[in-house]
Every structure is written in structure tokens, then in C-alpha cells.
Amino acid sequence: MTVTAIIPMWNRADLTRQCVESLRAQTVPFDRIVVVDDGSTEPYAGPDVIRLPNNAGFAAAVNAGWKAAETTHVAVVNNDVRLDPHWLEQLLGAGGWFATGKLYGPTGLLDGTFDLLSRGGFPWRAGHGKPDGPRWNEPREIAMASFTAVLLRTELRERIGYLDEEFGTYLEDVEFGVRCRKAGLGGQYVPSATGVHEGSATVGAWSEFAARQMATNQARLVAKHWGGRDRWAVGVGRVLWRMLARRNGRTVTFPAFPTTPSEPFATDDSLIAALQQDTGMDTFWRWYFRLVRG
């Protein structure tokens, strides 16, 4: 097996250098480490850089690196991530079409593990903001993984295509995960593969851009894959998310996109509810499950 690492970046060259150092320190070395500079005003200077002329978004940056890869696998790693030296070794042994591990935030709380998706079209980075514990130390088969730090079989680009560049930044990995679900291509969660993610280091967690993109791309995701189903769950999630955004000083709208016919696919409400109950209910999910039943 051979692996190309893809690091998308938009500014913060200092973080990119730290990320590259952590990739070079892996016990199983990457065959190639590519930095994709997405139109930065603060460019990264390095030996293997793909420079995009304009800031086209995370999806376009990942795709540029993926198209250049000639290895059996690619690893997408955000530039504000520092990986444990055994990260790649652990994931290569896991199998599956993709694999991911456990990321911590700078405070020591979990940044996230694997991704789960509700009937309402809102994802949860399982474990985000929670203390580490037994629930997050169980290897498991997964249907979706965040592209914050993920190992992918390169062949996925032929099976289901690249990231949808219309999403730009935010939920582009969730949309990719939906296509993996529909194709029956699953992955693995490996808790021993760890790293630290600074999180929202480029644009800020509740910046105006982030809030607007999240709402826009949630609407785009539902229009593309829900086929008009689960309107109540979708509506409840949007009301709750507007309230959450307002608490963080943002007003958001969910634009209307043409609905694409789509067959039903499995979602994760039952697992989200179980993990939330075991590890402490977040306000959003407490009200979501009170209002969305069955």
C-alpha cells in the first residue's frame, strides 16, 4: 500500500508547517506529502505544493490533491491537525474503504471521532466537546468520516466521484459520506489512531462565513439526497439550528434548492440518541429527539 497525504490550506502557513512535521514523523512514512494552497495571501513554502489561483473552498483543494495522487490511498489532513506518530500505521491496518481515528481539541476534550447523520439532515461529529471515555474507545464499522483527518482508498474517486465542489467548505465530507452509504461502501473507526485538532483556526467556529455556509450547505445536502422525505425532522432541525446560531450572534437562512429525486438511505438517529444519552445530552439533540420521534 502507498499513501499520498493531502493538506488543504488557506493561510496559516505556521499551522501547515506543524502539520507537515507531524506527517513526516509517522512510523509508516507517507510516500508523498502534498500541500494544496487554496489561494492563500500567506502562502506556504515547501517542495511539493499545488497552488490554486483563487480561494475555491475546501472541496476543490482536496480534489486538486486527490487528482494528482498516484498511490493506493490518500490521507486528507486539515492544516490545523497534528497527528500522533502511529496514526497512519493504525489506519492502514484497519481495512475498509476509509478509516478515521480519534481527535482531541487543544483543551483535551474530544474534537470528534466518526460522523453520524440525523433524519433531519444535521450531522454530529460524535463525541465533539465531550470527555474521552469507554464509548469512544470501541473500534467499529462506520458509514461516514470527517475529512478533518481521514484515510481513503484512492479508488473511491472512480466508485463515487470526488467531493462536490458546489459545497465549497462545510458539509462537503458529509455529502461524500451519503454517497458512500448509498453505494454500500463502509469504513472503520480506529480509536488508537489519534491526533490534536486546533479547530476553526482559519475562519472561526461561528464566523459569519461559517454560519452562512453551514446553513446553505445543509439546504443543499437535503435537496440533493432527501428527495422530499422527513420534512418534519428537517424543519425541526433547522428551527433548532437557527436558535443555536442566534445564541452565537448569527442570523441564518436556509435557501431553497431544487429537490433531486433520491431513494431512501439509512440515517443514524438511534445511535446519536444512544451516545448522547450515555455521554450527556447536548441542548440541540435533547430538543431534537423530544420533537422528532420514530
C-alpha atoms as a PDB file:
ATOM      1  CA  MET A   1       0.000   0.000   0.000  1.00  0.00           C
ATOM      2  CA  THR A   2       1.153   3.516  -0.809  1.00  0.00           C
ATOM      3  CA  VAL A   3      -0.238   6.761   0.551  1.00  0.00           C
ATOM      4  CA  THR A   4      -0.342  10.394  -0.546  1.00  0.00           C
ATOM      5  CA  ALA A   5      -1.094  12.939   2.199  1.00  0.00           C
ATOM      6  CA  ILE A   6      -3.167  15.925   1.099  1.00  0.00           C
ATOM      7  CA  ILE A   7      -3.111  19.047   3.278  1.00  0.00           C
ATOM      8  CA  PRO A   8      -5.552  21.727   2.099  1.00  0.00           C
ATOM      9  CA  MET A   9      -4.672  25.165   3.421  1.00  0.00           C
ATOM     10  CA  TRP A  10      -5.923  28.718   3.189  1.00  0.00           C
ATOM     11  CA  ASN A  11      -3.442  30.932   5.036  1.00  0.00           C
ATOM     12  CA  ARG A  12      -1.990  29.996   8.465  1.00  0.00           C
ATOM     13  CA  ALA A  13       1.280  28.742   6.982  1.00  0.00           C
ATOM     14  CA  ASP A  14       2.570  28.338  10.545  1.00  0.00           C
ATOM     15  CA  LEU A  15      -0.021  25.645  11.242  1.00  0.00           C
ATOM     16  CA  THR A  16       0.694  23.982   7.899  1.00  0.00           C
ATOM     17  CA  ARG A  17       4.371  23.642   8.823  1.00  0.00           C
ATOM     18  CA  GLN A  18       3.440  21.968  12.127  1.00  0.00           C
ATOM     19  CA  CYS A  19       1.085  19.618  10.332  1.00  0.00           C
ATOM     20  CA  VAL A  20       3.739  18.646   7.779  1.00  0.00           C
ATOM     21  CA  GLU A  21       6.205  17.947  10.594  1.00  0.00           C
ATOM     22  CA  SER A  22       3.727  15.564  12.252  1.00  0.00           C
ATOM     23  CA  LEU A  23       3.202  13.750   8.944  1.00  0.00           C
ATOM     24  CA  ARG A  24       6.937  13.394   8.420  1.00  0.00           C
ATOM     25  CA  ALA A  25       7.255  11.836  11.886  1.00  0.00           C
ATOM     26  CA  GLN A  26       4.935   8.876  11.121  1.00  0.00           C
ATOM     27  CA  THR A  27       6.198   5.384  11.938  1.00  0.00           C
ATOM     28  CA  VAL A  28       4.959   4.316   8.488  1.00  0.00           C
ATOM     29  CA  PRO A  29       6.076   7.125   6.193  1.00  0.00           C
ATOM     30  CA  PHE A  30       3.855   8.745   3.598  1.00  0.00           C
ATOM     31  CA  ASP A  31       5.013   8.215   0.027  1.00  0.00           C
ATOM     32  CA  ARG A  32       4.157  11.822  -0.796  1.00  0.00           C
ATOM     33  CA  ILE A  33       3.007  14.861   1.186  1.00  0.00           C
ATOM     34  CA  VAL A  34       1.194  17.452  -0.910  1.00  0.00           C
ATOM     35  CA  VAL A  35       0.118  20.870   0.359  1.00  0.00           C
ATOM     36  CA  VAL A  36      -2.721  22.376  -1.662  1.00  0.00           C
ATOM     37  CA  ASP A  37      -2.612  26.152  -1.242  1.00  0.00           C
ATOM     38  CA  ASP A  38      -6.160  27.381  -1.833  1.00  0.00           C
ATOM     39  CA  GLY A  39      -5.375  30.923  -2.942  1.00  0.00           C
ATOM     40  CA  SER A  40      -3.620  31.982   0.263  1.00  0.00           C
ATOM     41  CA  THR A  41      -2.375  35.504   0.836  1.00  0.00           C
ATOM     42  CA  GLU A  42       0.050  33.871   3.277  1.00  0.00           C
ATOM     43  CA  PRO A  43       1.475  31.078   1.080  1.00  0.00           C
ATOM     44  CA  TYR A  44       3.299  28.010   2.315  1.00  0.00           C
ATOM     45  CA  ALA A  45       6.840  27.497   1.033  1.00  0.00           C
ATOM     46  CA  GLY A  46       7.624  23.836   0.512  1.00  0.00           C
ATOM     47  CA  PRO A  47       8.872  21.275  -2.008  1.00  0.00           C
ATOM     48  CA  ASP A  48       5.501  19.760  -3.074  1.00  0.00           C
ATOM     49  CA  VAL A  49       2.823  22.443  -3.299  1.00  0.00           C
ATOM     50  CA  ILE A  50      -0.174  22.721  -5.618  1.00  0.00           C
ATOM     51  CA  ARG A  51      -1.219  26.377  -5.795  1.00  0.00           C
ATOM     52  CA  LEU A  52      -4.791  27.212  -6.771  1.00  0.00           C
ATOM     53  CA  PRO A  53      -5.213  30.678  -8.338  1.00  0.00           C
ATOM     54  CA  ASN A  54      -8.260  31.591  -6.240  1.00  0.00           C
ATOM     55  CA  ASN A  55      -9.805  30.532  -2.948  1.00  0.00           C
ATOM     56  CA  ALA A  56     -12.195  27.867  -4.268  1.00  0.00           C
ATOM     57  CA  GLY A  57     -13.008  26.145  -0.970  1.00  0.00           C
ATOM     58  CA  PHE A  58     -12.023  23.003   0.894  1.00  0.00           C
ATOM     59  CA  ALA A  59     -13.653  20.583  -1.576  1.00  0.00           C
ATOM     60  CA  ALA A  60     -11.773  21.995  -4.572  1.00  0.00           C
ATOM     61  CA  ALA A  61      -8.478  21.925  -2.669  1.00  0.00           C
ATOM     62  CA  VAL A  62      -8.924  18.283  -1.652  1.00  0.00           C
ATOM     63  CA  ASN A  63      -9.913  17.321  -5.182  1.00  0.00           C
ATOM     64  CA  ALA A  64      -6.836  19.000  -6.648  1.00  0.00           C
ATOM     65  CA  GLY A  65      -4.612  16.914  -4.394  1.00  0.00           C
ATOM     66  CA  TRP A  66      -6.598  13.733  -4.959  1.00  0.00           C
ATOM     67  CA  LYS A  67      -6.428  14.091  -8.753  1.00  0.00           C
ATOM     68  CA  ALA A  68      -2.647  14.351  -8.509  1.00  0.00           C
ATOM     69  CA  ALA A  69      -2.339  11.200  -6.366  1.00  0.00           C
ATOM     70  CA  GLU A  70      -0.955   8.013  -7.916  1.00  0.00           C
ATOM     71  CA  THR A  71      -0.954   5.936  -4.725  1.00  0.00           C
ATOM     72  CA  THR A  72      -3.368   3.260  -3.494  1.00  0.00           C
ATOM     73  CA  HIS A  73      -4.569   5.510  -0.667  1.00  0.00           C
ATOM     74  CA  VAL A  74      -4.867   9.199   0.117  1.00  0.00           C
ATOM     75  CA  ALA A  75      -4.972  10.802   3.543  1.00  0.00           C
ATOM     76  CA  VAL A  76      -6.743  14.156   3.869  1.00  0.00           C
ATOM     77  CA  VAL A  77      -5.499  16.122   6.874  1.00  0.00           C
ATOM     78  CA  ASN A  78      -6.541  19.659   7.842  1.00  0.00           C
ATOM     79  CA  ASN A  79      -3.601  22.019   8.225  1.00  0.00           C
ATOM     80  CA  ASP A  80      -4.531  22.684  11.892  1.00  0.00           C
ATOM     81  CA  VAL A  81      -4.142  18.992  12.828  1.00  0.00           C
ATOM     82  CA  ARG A  82      -1.124  17.356  14.440  1.00  0.00           C
ATOM     83  CA  LEU A  83      -1.131  13.567  14.218  1.00  0.00           C
ATOM     84  CA  ASP A  84       0.275  11.007  16.623  1.00  0.00           C
ATOM     85  CA  PRO A  85       3.260   9.223  15.001  1.00  0.00           C
ATOM     86  CA  HIS A  86       1.320   5.922  14.810  1.00  0.00           C
ATOM     87  CA  TRP A  87      -1.774   7.413  13.112  1.00  0.00           C
ATOM     88  CA  LEU A  88      -1.107   6.117   9.599  1.00  0.00           C
ATOM     89  CA  GLU A  89       0.196   2.750  10.803  1.00  0.00           C
ATOM     90  CA  GLN A  90      -3.001   2.188  12.809  1.00  0.00           C
ATOM     91  CA  LEU A  91      -5.362   3.172   9.996  1.00  0.00           C
ATOM     92  CA  LEU A  92      -3.623   1.201   7.243  1.00  0.00           C
ATOM     93  CA  GLY A  93      -4.226  -1.962   9.266  1.00  0.00           C
ATOM     94  CA  ALA A  94      -7.943  -1.295   9.663  1.00  0.00           C
ATOM     95  CA  GLY A  95      -9.231  -2.139   6.184  1.00  0.00           C
ATOM     96  CA  GLY A  96     -12.419  -0.684   4.789  1.00  0.00           C
ATOM     97  CA  TRP A  97     -12.932   1.931   2.107  1.00  0.00           C
ATOM     98  CA  PHE A  98     -11.953   4.659   4.545  1.00  0.00           C
ATOM     99  CA  ALA A  99     -10.746   4.904   8.117  1.00  0.00           C
ATOM    100  CA  THR A 100     -10.523   7.549  10.775  1.00  0.00           C
ATOM    101  CA  GLY A 101      -9.435   7.865  14.373  1.00  0.00           C
ATOM    102  CA  LYS A 102      -9.932   9.994  17.458  1.00  0.00           C
ATOM    103  CA  LEU A 103      -9.081  13.690  17.517  1.00  0.00           C
ATOM    104  CA  TYR A 104      -8.714  15.811  20.646  1.00  0.00           C
ATOM    105  CA  GLY A 105      -9.128  19.548  20.922  1.00  0.00           C
ATOM    106  CA  PRO A 106      -6.451  21.751  22.488  1.00  0.00           C
ATOM    107  CA  THR A 107      -8.208  21.527  25.891  1.00  0.00           C
ATOM    108  CA  GLY A 108      -8.057  17.725  25.965  1.00  0.00           C
ATOM    109  CA  LEU A 109     -11.764  17.260  25.300  1.00  0.00           C
ATOM    110  CA  LEU A 110     -12.708  15.312  22.196  1.00  0.00           C
ATOM    111  CA  ASP A 111     -12.799  17.214  18.933  1.00  0.00           C
ATOM    112  CA  GLY A 112     -14.510  14.269  17.248  1.00  0.00           C
ATOM    113  CA  THR A 113     -14.423  10.619  16.283  1.00  0.00           C
ATOM    114  CA  PHE A 114     -16.640   9.436  13.396  1.00  0.00           C
ATOM    115  CA  ASP A 115     -19.585  11.221  11.787  1.00  0.00           C
ATOM    116  CA  LEU A 116     -23.268  10.443  12.271  1.00  0.00           C
ATOM    117  CA  LEU A 117     -26.204  11.868  10.306  1.00  0.00           C
ATOM    118  CA  SER A 118     -29.752  12.524  11.500  1.00  0.00           C
ATOM    119  CA  ARG A 119     -33.027  12.204   9.595  1.00  0.00           C
ATOM    120  CA  GLY A 120     -33.222  15.970   9.859  1.00  0.00           C
ATOM    121  CA  GLY A 121     -30.112  16.344   7.702  1.00  0.00           C
ATOM    122  CA  PHE A 122     -27.871  17.587  10.519  1.00  0.00           C
ATOM    123  CA  PRO A 123     -24.630  15.708  11.240  1.00  0.00           C
ATOM    124  CA  TRP A 124     -22.940  15.104  14.573  1.00  0.00           C
ATOM    125  CA  ARG A 125     -19.209  14.694  14.947  1.00  0.00           C
ATOM    126  CA  ALA A 126     -19.647  12.001  17.547  1.00  0.00           C
ATOM    127  CA  GLY A 127     -18.075  12.943  20.860  1.00  0.00           C
ATOM    128  CA  HIS A 128     -17.386  16.567  19.985  1.00  0.00           C
ATOM    129  CA  GLY A 129     -16.755  18.608  23.135  1.00  0.00           C
ATOM    130  CA  LYS A 130     -17.082  15.607  25.463  1.00  0.00           C
ATOM    131  CA  PRO A 131     -14.517  13.990  27.756  1.00  0.00           C
ATOM    132  CA  ASP A 132     -12.811  10.886  26.459  1.00  0.00           C
ATOM    133  CA  GLY A 133     -14.220   7.628  27.810  1.00  0.00           C
ATOM    134  CA  PRO A 134     -15.100   3.983  27.127  1.00  0.00           C
ATOM    135  CA  ARG A 135     -17.736   4.809  24.486  1.00  0.00           C
ATOM    136  CA  TRP A 136     -15.066   6.388  22.323  1.00  0.00           C
ATOM    137  CA  ASN A 137     -12.540   3.572  22.734  1.00  0.00           C
ATOM    138  CA  GLU A 138     -14.531   0.927  20.850  1.00  0.00           C
ATOM    139  CA  PRO A 139     -13.388   0.163  17.283  1.00  0.00           C
ATOM    140  CA  ARG A 140     -16.396  -0.062  14.989  1.00  0.00           C
ATOM    141  CA  GLU A 141     -17.598  -0.101  11.440  1.00  0.00           C
ATOM    142  CA  ILE A 142     -18.754   3.355  10.371  1.00  0.00           C
ATOM    143  CA  ALA A 143     -20.733   4.820   7.497  1.00  0.00           C
ATOM    144  CA  MET A 144     -19.173   8.291   7.472  1.00  0.00           C
ATOM    145  CA  ALA A 145     -15.975  10.055   8.488  1.00  0.00           C
ATOM    146  CA  SER A 146     -14.985  13.681   8.799  1.00  0.00           C
ATOM    147  CA  PHE A 147     -12.350  14.870   6.341  1.00  0.00           C
ATOM    148  CA  THR A 148     -10.549  16.634   9.194  1.00  0.00           C
ATOM    149  CA  ALA A 149      -8.217  13.624   9.211  1.00  0.00           C
ATOM    150  CA  VAL A 150      -9.178  10.565   7.170  1.00  0.00           C
ATOM    151  CA  LEU A 151      -7.549   7.778   5.164  1.00  0.00           C
ATOM    152  CA  LEU A 152      -9.306   6.873   1.896  1.00  0.00           C
ATOM    153  CA  ARG A 153      -8.809   4.258  -0.761  1.00  0.00           C
ATOM    154  CA  THR A 154      -7.939   6.219  -3.885  1.00  0.00           C
ATOM    155  CA  GLU A 155     -10.321   4.002  -5.866  1.00  0.00           C
ATOM    156  CA  LEU A 156     -13.261   5.791  -4.234  1.00  0.00           C
ATOM    157  CA  ARG A 157     -12.845   8.561  -6.812  1.00  0.00           C
ATOM    158  CA  GLU A 158     -13.761   6.035  -9.523  1.00  0.00           C
ATOM    159  CA  ARG A 159     -16.543   4.424  -7.484  1.00  0.00           C
ATOM    160  CA  ILE A 160     -18.454   7.510  -6.314  1.00  0.00           C
ATOM    161  CA  GLY A 161     -16.516  10.544  -7.552  1.00  0.00           C
ATOM    162  CA  TYR A 162     -14.702  13.397  -5.855  1.00  0.00           C
ATOM    163  CA  LEU A 163     -16.020  15.884  -3.312  1.00  0.00           C
ATOM    164  CA  ASP A 164     -18.869  18.017  -4.648  1.00  0.00           C
ATOM    165  CA  GLU A 165     -17.226  21.397  -5.237  1.00  0.00           C
ATOM    166  CA  GLU A 166     -20.575  23.207  -5.118  1.00  0.00           C
ATOM    167  CA  PHE A 167     -20.385  22.742  -1.337  1.00  0.00           C
ATOM    168  CA  GLY A 168     -17.102  24.608  -1.182  1.00  0.00           C
ATOM    169  CA  THR A 169     -16.404  24.443   2.550  1.00  0.00           C
ATOM    170  CA  TYR A 170     -18.548  22.730   5.255  1.00  0.00           C
ATOM    171  CA  LEU A 171     -20.594  19.518   4.905  1.00  0.00           C
ATOM    172  CA  GLU A 172     -18.732  18.546   1.734  1.00  0.00           C
ATOM    173  CA  ASP A 173     -17.468  15.482   3.608  1.00  0.00           C
ATOM    174  CA  VAL A 174     -20.976  14.690   4.879  1.00  0.00           C
ATOM    175  CA  GLU A 175     -22.314  14.740   1.322  1.00  0.00           C
ATOM    176  CA  PHE A 176     -19.456  12.445   0.266  1.00  0.00           C
ATOM    177  CA  GLY A 177     -20.407  10.135   3.140  1.00  0.00           C
ATOM    178  CA  VAL A 178     -24.009   9.970   1.929  1.00  0.00           C
ATOM    179  CA  ARG A 179     -22.786   8.771  -1.452  1.00  0.00           C
ATOM    180  CA  CYS A 180     -20.642   6.148   0.271  1.00  0.00           C
ATOM    181  CA  ARG A 181     -23.730   4.956   2.199  1.00  0.00           C
ATOM    182  CA  LYS A 182     -25.798   4.696  -0.967  1.00  0.00           C
ATOM    183  CA  ALA A 183     -23.057   2.662  -2.641  1.00  0.00           C
ATOM    184  CA  GLY A 184     -22.625   0.373   0.395  1.00  0.00           C
ATOM    185  CA  LEU A 185     -19.000   1.410   0.915  1.00  0.00           C
ATOM    186  CA  GLY A 186     -18.240   1.486   4.630  1.00  0.00           C
ATOM    187  CA  GLY A 187     -15.261   2.383   6.755  1.00  0.00           C
ATOM    188  CA  GLN A 188     -13.601   1.792  10.103  1.00  0.00           C
ATOM    189  CA  TYR A 189     -13.189   3.818  13.274  1.00  0.00           C
ATOM    190  CA  VAL A 190      -9.836   3.149  14.969  1.00  0.00           C
ATOM    191  CA  PRO A 191      -9.645   4.921  18.362  1.00  0.00           C
ATOM    192  CA  SER A 192      -5.932   4.193  18.746  1.00  0.00           C
ATOM    193  CA  ALA A 193      -5.206   6.487  15.775  1.00  0.00           C
ATOM    194  CA  THR A 194      -5.140   9.881  17.464  1.00  0.00           C
ATOM    195  CA  GLY A 195      -4.301  13.496  16.866  1.00  0.00           C
ATOM    196  CA  VAL A 196      -4.968  17.050  18.019  1.00  0.00           C
ATOM    197  CA  HIS A 197      -7.160  19.444  16.038  1.00  0.00           C
ATOM    198  CA  GLU A 198      -6.976  23.135  16.837  1.00  0.00           C
ATOM    199  CA  GLY A 199     -10.378  23.609  15.186  1.00  0.00           C
ATOM    200  CA  SER A 200     -11.788  26.529  13.148  1.00  0.00           C
ATOM    201  CA  ALA A 201      -8.334  28.073  13.036  1.00  0.00           C
ATOM    202  CA  THR A 202      -8.914  29.671   9.637  1.00  0.00           C
ATOM    203  CA  VAL A 203     -12.398  31.233   9.738  1.00  0.00           C
ATOM    204  CA  GLY A 204     -13.642  30.794  13.326  1.00  0.00           C
ATOM    205  CA  ALA A 205     -16.323  28.433  14.629  1.00  0.00           C
ATOM    206  CA  TRP A 206     -19.189  30.948  14.494  1.00  0.00           C
ATOM    207  CA  SER A 207     -17.907  33.456  11.977  1.00  0.00           C
ATOM    208  CA  GLU A 208     -20.473  34.959   9.635  1.00  0.00           C
ATOM    209  CA  PHE A 209     -18.973  32.917   6.797  1.00  0.00           C
ATOM    210  CA  ALA A 210     -19.120  29.638   8.736  1.00  0.00           C
ATOM    211  CA  ALA A 211     -22.716  30.136   9.871  1.00  0.00           C
ATOM    212  CA  ARG A 212     -23.892  31.088   6.379  1.00  0.00           C
ATOM    213  CA  GLN A 213     -22.069  28.191   4.706  1.00  0.00           C
ATOM    214  CA  MET A 214     -23.362  25.627   7.202  1.00  0.00           C
ATOM    215  CA  ALA A 215     -26.977  26.687   6.630  1.00  0.00           C
ATOM    216  CA  THR A 216     -26.597  26.928   2.859  1.00  0.00           C
ATOM    217  CA  ASN A 217     -24.917  23.550   2.535  1.00  0.00           C
ATOM    218  CA  GLN A 218     -27.395  21.836   4.866  1.00  0.00           C
ATOM    219  CA  ALA A 219     -30.131  23.007   2.495  1.00  0.00           C
ATOM    220  CA  ARG A 220     -28.050  21.858  -0.472  1.00  0.00           C
ATOM    221  CA  LEU A 221     -27.472  18.438   1.131  1.00  0.00           C
ATOM    222  CA  VAL A 222     -31.184  17.852   1.817  1.00  0.00           C
ATOM    223  CA  ALA A 223     -32.212  18.997  -1.661  1.00  0.00           C
ATOM    224  CA  LYS A 224     -29.691  16.635  -3.268  1.00  0.00           C
ATOM    225  CA  HIS A 225     -30.296  13.489  -1.209  1.00  0.00           C
ATOM    226  CA  TRP A 226     -33.562  13.598   0.778  1.00  0.00           C
ATOM    227  CA  GLY A 227     -35.989  13.542  -2.157  1.00  0.00           C
ATOM    228  CA  GLY A 228     -38.572  15.478  -0.141  1.00  0.00           C
ATOM    229  CA  ARG A 229     -38.679  12.956   2.742  1.00  0.00           C
ATOM    230  CA  ASP A 230     -38.619  13.622   6.502  1.00  0.00           C
ATOM    231  CA  ARG A 231     -39.885  17.189   6.204  1.00  0.00           C
ATOM    232  CA  TRP A 232     -40.814  17.389   9.893  1.00  0.00           C
ATOM    233  CA  ALA A 233     -37.357  16.258  11.075  1.00  0.00           C
ATOM    234  CA  VAL A 234     -35.659  18.623   8.639  1.00  0.00           C
ATOM    235  CA  GLY A 235     -37.842  21.529   9.763  1.00  0.00           C
ATOM    236  CA  VAL A 236     -37.276  20.840  13.469  1.00  0.00           C
ATOM    237  CA  GLY A 237     -33.523  20.672  12.963  1.00  0.00           C
ATOM    238  CA  ARG A 238     -33.500  23.973  11.120  1.00  0.00           C
ATOM    239  CA  VAL A 239     -35.521  25.777  13.790  1.00  0.00           C
ATOM    240  CA  LEU A 240     -33.165  24.486  16.478  1.00  0.00           C
ATOM    241  CA  TRP A 241     -30.083  25.380  14.469  1.00  0.00           C
ATOM    242  CA  ARG A 242     -31.370  28.927  13.887  1.00  0.00           C
ATOM    243  CA  MET A 243     -31.782  29.267  17.642  1.00  0.00           C
ATOM    244  CA  LEU A 244     -28.262  27.953  18.241  1.00  0.00           C
ATOM    245  CA  ALA A 245     -26.864  30.375  15.659  1.00  0.00           C
ATOM    246  CA  ARG A 246     -28.754  33.275  17.269  1.00  0.00           C
ATOM    247  CA  ARG A 247     -27.214  32.416  20.653  1.00  0.00           C
ATOM    248  CA  ASN A 248     -23.844  32.811  18.944  1.00  0.00           C
ATOM    249  CA  GLY A 249     -24.740  36.152  17.422  1.00  0.00           C
ATOM    250  CA  ARG A 250     -25.644  34.967  13.914  1.00  0.00           C
ATOM    251  CA  THR A 251     -28.838  35.085  11.871  1.00  0.00           C
ATOM    252  CA  VAL A 252     -29.057  32.341   9.244  1.00  0.00           C
ATOM    253  CA  THR A 253     -31.440  31.324   6.480  1.00  0.00           C
ATOM    254  CA  PHE A 254     -31.769  28.025   4.646  1.00  0.00           C
ATOM    255  CA  PRO A 255     -32.043  28.777   0.921  1.00  0.00           C
ATOM    256  CA  ALA A 256     -34.296  26.765  -1.384  1.00  0.00           C
ATOM    257  CA  PHE A 257     -32.629  24.456  -3.903  1.00  0.00           C
ATOM    258  CA  PRO A 258     -34.411  22.262  -6.479  1.00  0.00           C
ATOM    259  CA  THR A 259     -35.157  18.844  -4.982  1.00  0.00           C
ATOM    260  CA  THR A 260     -33.441  15.947  -6.721  1.00  0.00           C
ATOM    261  CA  PRO A 261     -35.289  12.577  -6.760  1.00  0.00           C
ATOM    262  CA  SER A 262     -33.451  10.240  -4.395  1.00  0.00           C
ATOM    263  CA  GLU A 263     -34.004   6.788  -2.927  1.00  0.00           C
ATOM    264  CA  PRO A 264     -34.172   6.438   0.884  1.00  0.00           C
ATOM    265  CA  PHE A 265     -30.970   5.617   2.750  1.00  0.00           C
ATOM    266  CA  ALA A 266     -30.147   4.770   6.349  1.00  0.00           C
ATOM    267  CA  THR A 267     -29.515   7.518   8.891  1.00  0.00           C
ATOM    268  CA  ASP A 268     -28.291   7.426  12.492  1.00  0.00           C
ATOM    269  CA  ASP A 269     -30.939   8.863  14.820  1.00  0.00           C
ATOM    270  CA  SER A 270     -30.976   5.826  17.102  1.00  0.00           C
ATOM    271  CA  LEU A 271     -27.177   5.762  17.531  1.00  0.00           C
ATOM    272  CA  ILE A 272     -26.975   9.528  18.033  1.00  0.00           C
ATOM    273  CA  ALA A 273     -29.650   9.266  20.735  1.00  0.00           C
ATOM    274  CA  ALA A 274     -27.897   6.357  22.467  1.00  0.00           C
ATOM    275  CA  LEU A 275     -24.487   8.039  22.502  1.00  0.00           C
ATOM    276  CA  GLN A 276     -25.961  11.344  23.621  1.00  0.00           C
ATOM    277  CA  GLN A 277     -27.813   9.654  26.494  1.00  0.00           C
ATOM    278  CA  ASP A 278     -24.683   7.790  27.569  1.00  0.00           C
ATOM    279  CA  THR A 279     -22.332  10.773  27.434  1.00  0.00           C
ATOM    280  CA  GLY A 280     -24.583  13.775  28.191  1.00  0.00           C
ATOM    281  CA  MET A 281     -27.294  15.308  26.024  1.00  0.00           C
ATOM    282  CA  ASP A 282     -26.381  18.450  24.110  1.00  0.00           C
ATOM    283  CA  THR A 283     -29.198  21.010  24.037  1.00  0.00           C
ATOM    284  CA  PHE A 284     -29.709  20.736  20.276  1.00  0.00           C
ATOM    285  CA  TRP A 285     -30.104  16.954  20.377  1.00  0.00           C
ATOM    286  CA  ARG A 286     -32.220  16.949  23.557  1.00  0.00           C
ATOM    287  CA  TRP A 287     -34.855  19.096  21.857  1.00  0.00           C
ATOM    288  CA  TYR A 288     -34.459  17.367  18.503  1.00  0.00           C
ATOM    289  CA  PHE A 289     -35.307  13.970  19.987  1.00  0.00           C
ATOM    290  CA  ARG A 290     -38.157  15.393  22.045  1.00  0.00           C
ATOM    291  CA  LEU A 291     -39.740  16.734  18.876  1.00  0.00           C
ATOM    292  CA  VAL A 292     -38.738  14.072  16.331  1.00  0.00           C
ATOM    293  CA  ARG A 293     -39.875  10.576  17.217  1.00  0.00           C
ATOM    294  CA  GLY A 294     -39.970   7.250  15.407  1.00  0.00           C
END
